[in-house]
Amino acid sequence: MPTQAYLRDPEIHSGAAAFAGTRVAVWVLFNWLAAGKSLDDFLDTHPQVERAAALAALDEASRALVGQDSRGECALLSGNELTQQADLLGVDAAQGP
């Protein structure tokens, strides 16, 4: 698993979260899944994205939205982790759900 699933770089997608080591924005994965396509299809189309990174991004989004990851495990986030998760989802961490 990569040490960090995604990074923000102003030179890539104007600073939108992108999978580490790629130019694939994280929102592309969410749009792909929202359109009813599978994770396997996403990974086949974007081979530069590691499965572990995609799963980590999904788990992080799940924890940020519902307080638990995709396996149902609750997670307490530090302030920095909460801010990072909120940034990934494009929400203000200070406002809460």
Protein backbone atom coordinates (compact mmCIF):
# COMPACT_ATOMS: atom_id res chain seq x y z
CA MET A 1 0.00 0.00 0.00
CA PRO A 2 1.37 3.43 -0.85
CA THR A 3 2.38 5.60 2.10
CA GLN A 4 -0.12 8.20 0.96
CA ALA A 5 -3.00 7.35 -1.34
CA TYR A 6 -3.24 10.81 -2.86
CA LEU A 7 -1.40 14.11 -3.02
CA ARG A 8 -2.24 17.69 -3.87
CA ASP A 9 0.02 19.50 -6.31
CA PRO A 10 -0.92 22.87 -7.82
CA GLU A 11 0.67 21.66 -11.08
CA ILE A 12 -1.71 18.68 -11.32
CA HIS A 13 -5.43 19.35 -11.78
CA SER A 14 -5.02 22.79 -10.15
CA GLY A 15 -4.27 21.18 -6.80
CA ALA A 16 -7.19 18.74 -6.73
CA ALA A 17 -6.37 15.47 -4.96
CA ALA A 18 -4.65 13.06 -7.35
CA PHE A 19 -3.48 9.52 -6.75
CA ALA A 20 0.16 9.57 -5.63
CA GLY A 21 2.59 9.19 -8.50
CA THR A 22 -0.08 9.79 -11.14
CA ARG A 23 -2.03 12.56 -12.82
CA VAL A 24 -5.35 10.78 -12.13
CA ALA A 25 -7.61 12.91 -9.93
CA VAL A 26 -9.35 11.13 -7.06
CA TRP A 27 -12.69 12.58 -8.13
CA VAL A 28 -12.40 10.54 -11.33
CA LEU A 29 -12.72 7.37 -9.23
CA PHE A 30 -15.83 8.69 -7.46
CA ASN A 31 -17.43 9.76 -10.74
CA TRP A 32 -16.57 6.38 -12.26
CA LEU A 33 -18.25 4.49 -9.42
CA ALA A 34 -21.22 6.88 -9.35
CA ALA A 35 -21.78 6.07 -13.03
CA GLY A 36 -22.17 2.39 -12.10
CA LYS A 37 -18.77 1.26 -13.33
CA SER A 38 -16.70 -1.15 -11.26
CA LEU A 39 -13.45 -0.55 -9.42
CA ASP A 40 -11.82 -3.24 -11.55
CA ASP A 41 -12.86 -1.40 -14.72
CA PHE A 42 -11.45 1.84 -13.28
CA LEU A 43 -8.14 0.13 -12.49
CA ASP A 44 -8.00 -1.51 -15.92
CA THR A 45 -8.52 1.89 -17.56
CA HIS A 46 -6.11 3.66 -15.18
CA PRO A 47 -3.31 1.09 -14.67
CA GLN A 48 -1.06 3.72 -13.10
CA VAL A 49 -3.39 3.80 -10.04
CA GLU A 50 -2.61 1.06 -7.54
CA ARG A 51 -5.56 -0.93 -6.20
CA ALA A 52 -4.34 -0.22 -2.65
CA ALA A 53 -4.40 3.53 -3.32
CA ALA A 54 -7.94 3.40 -4.72
CA LEU A 55 -9.16 1.35 -1.76
CA ALA A 56 -7.40 3.67 0.69
CA ALA A 57 -9.10 6.71 -0.89
CA LEU A 58 -12.49 4.97 -0.65
CA ASP A 59 -11.87 4.01 2.98
CA GLU A 60 -10.79 7.56 3.82
CA ALA A 61 -13.91 8.97 2.20
CA SER A 62 -16.07 6.46 4.06
CA ARG A 63 -14.51 7.40 7.40
CA ALA A 64 -14.97 11.09 6.66
CA LEU A 65 -18.63 10.66 5.73
CA VAL A 66 -19.88 8.03 8.17
CA GLY A 67 -17.14 7.69 10.77
CA GLN A 68 -16.12 4.19 9.75
CA ASP A 69 -14.24 2.62 6.91
CA SER A 70 -15.66 0.27 4.28
CA ARG A 71 -15.10 -2.71 6.62
CA GLY A 72 -17.27 -1.10 9.30
CA GLU A 73 -14.36 -0.28 11.57
CA CYS A 74 -14.78 2.99 13.45
CA ALA A 75 -11.92 5.40 13.32
CA LEU A 76 -11.12 8.39 15.46
CA LEU A 77 -9.36 10.97 13.35
CA SER A 78 -6.87 13.53 14.56
CA GLY A 79 -7.44 17.15 13.58
CA ASN A 80 -4.98 16.87 10.67
CA GLU A 81 -6.54 13.63 9.45
CA LEU A 82 -10.02 15.13 9.63
CA THR A 83 -8.92 18.17 7.66
CA GLN A 84 -7.25 15.94 5.06
CA GLN A 85 -10.39 13.83 4.68
CA ALA A 86 -12.60 16.89 4.40
CA ASP A 87 -10.27 18.29 1.72
CA LEU A 88 -10.54 15.03 -0.21
CA LEU A 89 -14.31 15.34 -0.19
CA GLY A 90 -14.34 19.08 -0.79
CA VAL A 91 -16.13 19.94 2.48
CA ASP A 92 -15.32 22.26 5.38
CA ALA A 93 -14.21 20.13 8.35
CA ALA A 94 -15.14 22.91 10.77
CA GLN A 95 -18.82 22.79 9.73
CA GLY A 96 -19.26 19.10 10.48
CA PRO A 97 -21.85 16.88 8.78
